[in-house]
Amino acid sequence: MKAESSIHFEFIKKPQRGRSKELLIIRNEKLIKRFYQKFEVERKRLDDVLKELSIEEFWISPARIMEIIQENQEQLDRLYSKTDQS
């Protein structure tokens, strides 16, 4: 009987822990756009931008924001290239 119950539990899918990958992608895209807006368009200092994004908008640490920016450098580069073309 014990062998049957262990086989049964192998087919039960455990719920995914943590945040949805799709929601993280959306958050990161918005974060990159907001960073660009505040840093390049509004011409705010980097430390002020990180503080605002961290405390007022995304509720994650400034260090994590910098990691996200580095991980999504291509998206940020595309924003820069759009303004260069204008």
Protein backbone atom coordinates (compact mmCIF):
# COMPACT_ATOMS: atom_id res chain seq x y z
CA MET A 1 0.00 0.00 0.00
CA LYS A 2 2.84 2.35 0.77
CA ALA A 3 4.31 1.96 -2.74
CA GLU A 4 0.97 2.89 -4.30
CA SER A 5 0.68 6.13 -2.34
CA SER A 6 4.21 7.24 -3.25
CA ILE A 7 3.46 6.65 -6.94
CA HIS A 8 0.28 8.72 -6.61
CA PHE A 9 2.18 11.70 -5.17
CA GLU A 10 4.68 11.73 -8.02
CA PHE A 11 1.93 12.99 -10.33
CA ILE A 12 0.86 15.86 -8.11
CA LYS A 13 2.50 19.04 -9.35
CA LYS A 14 3.84 21.28 -6.62
CA PRO A 15 2.89 24.92 -6.97
CA GLN A 16 5.63 27.23 -8.20
CA ARG A 17 7.21 29.21 -5.43
CA GLY A 18 8.13 32.84 -5.76
CA ARG A 19 6.98 35.38 -8.29
CA SER A 20 5.56 34.73 -11.72
CA LYS A 21 8.23 34.95 -14.41
CA GLU A 22 5.86 36.88 -16.66
CA LEU A 23 5.20 39.47 -13.95
CA LEU A 24 8.93 39.85 -13.28
CA ILE A 25 9.55 40.52 -16.97
CA ILE A 26 6.84 43.18 -17.01
CA ARG A 27 8.17 44.76 -13.80
CA ASN A 28 11.71 44.84 -15.16
CA GLU A 29 10.59 46.46 -18.42
CA LYS A 30 8.75 49.18 -16.50
CA LEU A 31 11.69 49.67 -14.16
CA ILE A 32 14.09 50.17 -17.08
CA LYS A 33 11.76 52.70 -18.70
CA ARG A 34 11.30 54.60 -15.43
CA PHE A 35 15.06 54.58 -14.80
CA TYR A 36 15.69 56.01 -18.25
CA GLN A 37 12.99 58.66 -17.77
CA LYS A 38 14.32 59.85 -14.44
CA PHE A 39 18.03 59.59 -15.23
CA GLU A 40 18.20 60.77 -18.84
CA VAL A 41 15.08 62.86 -19.44
CA GLU A 42 14.65 64.43 -16.00
CA ARG A 43 18.45 64.51 -15.52
CA LYS A 44 18.37 63.38 -11.89
CA ARG A 45 21.42 62.04 -10.09
CA LEU A 46 21.89 58.28 -10.05
CA ASP A 47 21.61 57.94 -6.28
CA ASP A 48 18.39 59.99 -6.28
CA VAL A 49 16.92 57.91 -9.10
CA LEU A 50 17.72 54.64 -7.33
CA LYS A 51 16.26 55.93 -4.08
CA GLU A 52 13.03 57.08 -5.76
CA LEU A 53 12.59 53.86 -7.71
CA SER A 54 13.35 51.81 -4.62
CA ILE A 55 11.13 53.57 -2.11
CA GLU A 56 8.36 55.21 -4.14
CA GLU A 57 7.75 52.89 -7.07
CA PHE A 58 9.09 49.34 -6.97
CA TRP A 59 9.78 48.58 -3.29
CA ILE A 60 13.01 46.72 -3.95
CA SER A 61 16.52 47.62 -2.85
CA PRO A 62 18.71 50.00 -4.86
CA ALA A 63 21.25 47.19 -5.23
CA ARG A 64 18.60 44.94 -6.80
CA ILE A 65 17.54 47.76 -9.11
CA MET A 66 21.14 48.07 -10.34
CA GLU A 67 21.27 44.29 -10.89
CA ILE A 68 18.05 44.44 -12.94
CA ILE A 69 19.45 47.30 -15.02
CA GLN A 70 22.63 45.33 -15.69
CA GLU A 71 20.67 42.17 -16.55
CA ASN A 72 18.51 44.18 -18.99
CA GLN A 73 21.22 46.34 -20.51
CA GLU A 74 20.02 45.58 -24.06
CA GLN A 75 16.61 47.11 -23.36
CA LEU A 76 18.24 50.22 -21.90
CA ASP A 77 20.54 50.45 -24.93
CA ARG A 78 17.48 50.37 -27.22
CA LEU A 79 16.01 53.34 -25.35
CA TYR A 80 19.26 55.25 -25.80
CA SER A 81 19.44 54.39 -29.49
CA LYS A 82 15.86 55.64 -30.04
CA THR A 83 16.79 59.06 -28.70
CA ASP A 84 20.00 59.13 -30.75
CA GLN A 85 17.96 58.59 -33.92
CA SER A 86 15.60 61.49 -33.15
